[in-house]
Amino acid sequence: MEKLDYQVLDDLFKANHLFLEVTNVDVRRLRDDRSEIQLGQEVAFVATAAFRASSSAVKHIGERLDARDLAAGDELLVIGPDAELRSDKLEIDEDSVTLWLKDHYEFTFLLNGQTSEAFRNIGAVRVTTDVPAGHPQQMSLPWITRLNTAAVKDDYIDVDVQIIELPVTAVSLPPKELVLINDFVEDGVQTRRLAARLEMHVHPDLIEHVIGQRYFVALDAPGRLRLAVHFEAVPDDQKAHLPPGEVTKPDPSTAPRQPAPATGNKSKHP
């Protein structure tokens, strides 16, 4: 039987516009840790969920993978409290499918109902798969996070998660580059010119939501050194002065559907 991997999922979803239903969404402490949370402690949380197949998805996946015993509503993929991705129905390439889920679903952790800078990524793990080609060598699992309780002002911690399906028909806008060039000079003689490029990738669905917002990216000194990105709308009378290619207007006729987020039960800790 062929393994379920990134390429299989991509082929099926792009060609047939299939989808997986996200169910049983919850937030658990990593490995169901039940120890008392201390102030200043960093606590790991996992977004657990199951991904079920619709009847049309079951038909196409069953034919592609020669898995005839699949039925509509079967849980094809499950994220457990140990943060492991597994399937009781199919043989999967775990890292490859994880990359696909990361590209097609957004996991947003909420603290007391709001997004928070107290959440941080857990260190990247090594990617061991051949599919897709050119994949990153490391990745942070999107369904696991750590909460810095020192940054929580309230005595009550309420952690929730939203899992949103990203539209498969949407195409990200081309990245914009900010080029920084520095001349390295030794004894009055230029020895090397080094250029650094900063790329900004903005998904079309986010354009109207990021205007006026400021986002912080933690660098190597978490909490002490951060890069701030502030988005502003460009007035129509200024767009004519932008360099060619700086303004991109999406075609309204190709606007993808907006799926409702799957929201998990809250993990509450006094």
Protein backbone atom coordinates (compact mmCIF):
# COMPACT_ATOMS: atom_id res chain seq x y z
CA MET A 1 0.00 0.00 0.00
CA GLU A 2 1.25 3.47 -0.89
CA LYS A 3 1.93 5.73 2.08
CA LEU A 4 -0.11 8.85 2.72
CA ASP A 5 2.30 11.74 2.26
CA TYR A 6 2.47 15.39 1.19
CA GLN A 7 2.32 14.65 -2.52
CA VAL A 8 -0.66 12.28 -2.23
CA LEU A 9 -2.62 14.81 -0.17
CA ASP A 10 -1.66 17.68 -2.47
CA ASP A 11 -2.67 15.77 -5.60
CA LEU A 12 -6.03 14.76 -4.15
CA PHE A 13 -6.94 18.12 -2.65
CA LYS A 14 -5.89 20.29 -5.57
CA ALA A 15 -7.45 18.11 -8.23
CA ASN A 16 -10.68 17.25 -6.40
CA HIS A 17 -11.07 20.14 -3.94
CA LEU A 18 -11.38 17.70 -1.05
CA PHE A 19 -11.12 18.58 2.59
CA LEU A 20 -10.67 17.02 6.00
CA GLU A 21 -13.06 17.82 8.84
CA VAL A 22 -11.27 18.90 12.02
CA THR A 23 -12.95 17.40 15.09
CA ASN A 24 -12.32 16.67 18.78
CA VAL A 25 -10.20 19.80 19.10
CA ASP A 26 -8.82 20.28 22.59
CA VAL A 27 -5.84 21.73 24.45
CA ARG A 28 -3.86 19.44 26.73
CA ARG A 29 -0.63 19.80 28.62
CA LEU A 30 2.13 17.89 26.89
CA ARG A 31 1.92 14.17 27.73
CA ASP A 32 -1.03 15.00 30.02
CA ASP A 33 1.28 16.50 32.63
CA ARG A 34 -0.79 17.11 35.79
CA SER A 35 1.87 18.74 37.97
CA GLU A 36 1.11 22.08 39.57
CA ILE A 37 2.04 25.10 37.46
CA GLN A 38 4.47 27.48 39.18
CA LEU A 39 4.80 31.19 38.43
CA GLY A 40 7.66 31.78 36.02
CA GLN A 41 7.53 28.24 34.69
CA GLU A 42 7.35 27.52 30.96
CA VAL A 43 4.52 25.05 30.32
CA ALA A 44 4.10 23.02 27.12
CA PHE A 45 0.61 22.71 25.61
CA VAL A 46 -0.59 20.57 22.71
CA ALA A 47 -3.54 21.15 20.40
CA THR A 48 -5.03 17.66 20.08
CA ALA A 49 -7.39 16.98 17.19
CA ALA A 50 -8.71 14.42 14.75
CA PHE A 51 -8.98 14.87 11.00
CA ARG A 52 -11.94 13.03 9.48
CA ALA A 53 -12.57 12.28 5.82
CA SER A 54 -15.71 13.26 3.95
CA SER A 55 -17.36 10.64 1.74
CA SER A 56 -15.76 12.12 -1.39
CA ALA A 57 -12.34 12.24 0.29
CA VAL A 58 -12.67 8.61 1.41
CA LYS A 59 -13.47 7.51 -2.13
CA HIS A 60 -10.46 9.22 -3.71
CA ILE A 61 -8.01 8.35 -0.90
CA GLY A 62 -9.18 4.73 -0.91
CA GLU A 63 -8.61 4.44 -4.65
CA ARG A 64 -5.24 6.21 -4.57
CA LEU A 65 -3.86 4.21 -1.64
CA ASP A 66 -5.77 0.98 -2.32
CA ALA A 67 -7.40 1.28 1.11
CA ARG A 68 -10.83 -0.20 0.48
CA ASP A 69 -11.91 -0.45 4.12
CA LEU A 70 -12.12 3.32 4.66
CA ALA A 71 -15.54 4.77 5.51
CA ALA A 72 -16.90 8.29 5.59
CA GLY A 73 -16.24 9.86 8.98
CA ASP A 74 -13.18 7.74 9.72
CA GLU A 75 -10.43 9.52 11.61
CA LEU A 76 -7.57 9.48 9.13
CA LEU A 77 -5.15 11.48 11.27
CA VAL A 78 -4.98 12.09 15.01
CA ILE A 79 -2.76 14.42 17.05
CA GLY A 80 -2.31 12.98 20.53
CA PRO A 81 -1.34 14.66 23.83
CA ASP A 82 2.22 13.47 23.21
CA ALA A 83 2.19 15.73 20.10
CA GLU A 84 2.65 12.68 17.87
CA LEU A 85 0.74 12.44 14.58
CA ARG A 86 -0.64 8.97 13.90
CA SER A 87 -3.22 7.07 11.90
CA ASP A 88 -5.01 3.83 12.73
CA LYS A 89 -6.39 3.57 9.18
CA LEU A 90 -3.45 4.33 6.89
CA GLU A 91 0.29 4.00 6.69
CA ILE A 92 1.62 7.56 6.74
CA ASP A 93 4.89 9.38 6.21
CA GLU A 94 4.62 11.29 9.48
CA ASP A 95 7.03 14.14 8.72
CA SER A 96 5.68 14.59 5.21
CA VAL A 97 2.05 14.75 6.38
CA THR A 98 3.06 17.12 9.19
CA LEU A 99 4.54 19.48 6.60
CA TRP A 100 1.29 19.32 4.63
CA LEU A 101 -0.85 20.08 7.69
CA LYS A 102 1.43 22.98 8.57
CA ASP A 103 0.95 24.42 5.07
CA HIS A 104 -2.83 23.93 5.02
CA TYR A 105 -3.99 24.61 8.59
CA GLU A 106 -3.30 27.45 10.98
CA PHE A 107 -3.05 26.67 14.69
CA THR A 108 -3.70 29.72 16.87
CA PHE A 109 -3.32 29.43 20.64
CA LEU A 110 -5.32 31.82 22.81
CA LEU A 111 -4.67 32.93 26.38
CA ASN A 112 -7.85 33.95 28.20
CA GLY A 113 -9.55 34.31 24.80
CA GLN A 114 -6.84 36.48 23.22
CA THR A 115 -3.68 35.95 21.21
CA SER A 116 -0.64 36.50 23.39
CA GLU A 117 3.10 36.99 23.14
CA ALA A 118 3.43 34.68 26.14
CA PHE A 119 3.22 31.73 23.71
CA ARG A 120 6.49 30.64 22.15
CA ASN A 121 7.49 27.98 19.66
CA ILE A 122 9.12 24.85 20.95
CA GLY A 123 12.48 24.08 19.41
CA ALA A 124 12.54 22.75 15.86
CA VAL A 125 12.80 19.04 15.17
CA ARG A 126 14.68 17.36 12.32
CA VAL A 127 12.63 16.52 9.22
CA THR A 128 13.29 13.03 7.84
CA THR A 129 11.30 12.55 4.64
CA ASP A 130 11.86 12.68 0.90
CA VAL A 131 8.49 14.30 0.13
CA PRO A 132 8.14 17.06 -0.85
CA ALA A 133 11.44 17.81 -2.54
CA GLY A 134 13.30 20.78 -1.12
CA HIS A 135 11.53 20.66 2.22
CA PRO A 136 13.10 22.42 5.24
CA GLN A 137 15.57 20.38 7.24
CA GLN A 138 13.92 21.40 10.51
CA MET A 139 10.45 22.53 11.58
CA SER A 140 8.51 23.50 14.67
CA LEU A 141 5.34 21.48 15.11
CA PRO A 142 2.41 23.90 14.67
CA TRP A 143 0.24 22.14 17.25
CA ILE A 144 2.61 22.47 20.20
CA THR A 145 3.55 25.62 22.09
CA ARG A 146 5.03 26.68 25.39
CA LEU A 147 3.52 29.29 27.69
CA ASN A 148 5.75 31.61 29.67
CA THR A 149 3.74 31.99 32.86
CA ALA A 150 5.95 34.87 34.00
CA ALA A 151 4.29 36.95 31.28
CA VAL A 152 0.78 36.13 32.53
CA LYS A 153 -0.65 38.90 34.71
CA ASP A 154 -3.74 37.02 35.85
CA ASP A 155 -3.80 34.28 38.45
CA TYR A 156 -6.04 32.19 36.21
CA ILE A 157 -4.70 30.58 33.01
CA ASP A 158 -7.24 29.69 30.32
CA VAL A 159 -5.66 28.20 27.17
CA ASP A 160 -7.67 27.56 24.01
CA VAL A 161 -6.85 26.88 20.36
CA GLN A 162 -8.37 27.54 16.97
CA ILE A 163 -7.51 25.37 13.96
CA ILE A 164 -8.37 27.10 10.71
CA GLU A 165 -8.27 25.45 7.30
CA LEU A 166 -6.38 27.65 4.87
CA PRO A 167 -8.09 27.84 1.45
CA VAL A 168 -6.40 25.44 -0.94
CA THR A 169 -7.16 27.65 -3.95
CA ALA A 170 -5.39 30.70 -2.60
CA VAL A 171 -1.92 31.58 -3.85
CA SER A 172 0.41 33.62 -1.70
CA LEU A 173 1.53 36.95 -3.06
CA PRO A 174 5.11 37.12 -4.30
CA PRO A 175 7.48 37.97 -1.43
CA LYS A 176 8.74 41.53 -1.17
CA GLU A 177 12.42 42.01 -0.51
CA LEU A 178 14.19 44.61 1.59
CA VAL A 179 17.84 44.55 0.57
CA LEU A 180 20.47 45.74 3.03
CA ILE A 181 23.99 46.12 1.68
CA ASN A 182 27.07 46.58 3.83
CA ASP A 183 30.60 47.26 2.64
CA PHE A 184 33.37 45.53 4.56
CA VAL A 185 36.51 47.64 4.36
CA GLU A 186 39.96 46.75 5.66
CA ASP A 187 42.87 49.24 5.57
CA GLY A 188 40.89 51.47 3.24
CA VAL A 189 40.33 48.68 0.70
CA GLN A 190 36.91 47.16 0.11
CA THR A 191 37.19 43.43 0.74
CA ARG A 192 33.60 42.25 0.48
CA ARG A 193 30.07 43.51 -0.20
CA LEU A 194 27.40 41.59 1.64
CA ALA A 195 23.68 41.83 0.87
CA ALA A 196 20.96 40.67 3.27
CA ARG A 197 17.41 40.17 2.04
CA LEU A 198 14.37 40.38 4.27
CA GLU A 199 11.33 38.69 2.71
CA MET A 200 7.72 39.28 3.73
CA HIS A 201 5.17 36.62 2.75
CA VAL A 202 1.56 37.72 3.24
CA HIS A 203 -1.32 35.34 2.51
CA PRO A 204 -4.09 37.06 0.47
CA ASP A 205 -6.72 36.22 3.09
CA LEU A 206 -4.79 38.15 5.75
CA ILE A 207 -4.38 41.45 3.92
CA GLU A 208 -7.51 43.11 5.28
CA HIS A 209 -6.89 41.76 8.79
CA VAL A 210 -3.27 42.84 9.36
CA ILE A 211 -3.72 46.54 8.51
CA GLY A 212 -3.03 48.61 11.61
CA GLN A 213 -1.63 45.61 13.48
CA ARG A 214 1.88 45.21 14.85
CA TYR A 215 3.52 41.83 15.18
CA PHE A 216 6.70 40.95 17.04
CA VAL A 217 9.20 38.29 16.02
CA ALA A 218 11.47 37.02 18.79
CA LEU A 219 15.14 36.81 17.84
CA ASP A 220 17.92 34.96 19.65
CA ALA A 221 17.24 36.79 22.92
CA PRO A 222 13.55 35.98 23.64
CA GLY A 223 11.83 38.80 25.50
CA ARG A 224 14.83 41.08 25.09
CA LEU A 225 15.37 41.44 21.36
CA ARG A 226 12.44 41.47 18.95
CA LEU A 227 11.77 42.55 15.39
CA ALA A 228 8.56 44.56 15.01
CA VAL A 229 6.50 44.52 11.80
CA HIS A 230 3.79 47.17 11.46
CA PHE A 231 1.29 47.04 8.59
CA GLU A 232 -0.34 50.14 7.14
CA ALA A 233 -2.68 50.66 4.22
CA VAL A 234 -1.28 52.80 1.41
CA PRO A 235 -3.65 55.65 0.46
CA ASP A 236 -4.78 55.63 -3.16
CA ASP A 237 -3.05 58.95 -3.88
CA GLN A 238 0.29 57.45 -2.83
CA LYS A 239 0.08 54.20 -4.77
CA ALA A 240 1.14 55.90 -7.97
CA HIS A 241 4.51 56.70 -6.37
CA LEU A 242 5.30 53.11 -5.40
CA PRO A 243 7.81 51.13 -7.49
CA PRO A 244 6.29 48.81 -10.12
CA GLY A 245 4.97 45.58 -8.69
CA GLU A 246 4.51 46.94 -5.16
CA VAL A 247 0.70 46.99 -5.42
CA THR A 248 -1.11 43.73 -6.15
CA LYS A 249 -4.88 43.59 -6.46
CA PRO A 250 -6.34 40.07 -6.08
CA ASP A 251 -9.05 39.03 -8.52
CA PRO A 252 -12.37 39.10 -6.57
CA SER A 253 -13.71 36.27 -8.74
CA THR A 254 -11.03 33.92 -7.39
CA ALA A 255 -11.59 34.75 -3.72
CA PRO A 256 -11.55 31.49 -1.76
CA ARG A 257 -14.18 30.43 0.70
CA GLN A 258 -13.64 31.26 4.34
CA PRO A 259 -13.97 28.10 6.44
CA ALA A 260 -15.02 28.45 10.04
CA PRO A 261 -12.28 27.73 12.58
CA ALA A 262 -12.37 24.56 14.61
CA THR A 263 -12.18 25.64 18.22
CA GLY A 264 -10.93 23.46 21.02
CA ASN A 265 -12.19 23.08 24.54
CA LYS A 266 -10.37 25.33 26.94
CA SER A 267 -7.62 24.05 29.17
CA LYS A 268 -8.10 25.89 32.44
CA HIS A 269 -5.54 26.05 35.18
CA PRO A 270 -5.79 28.05 38.41
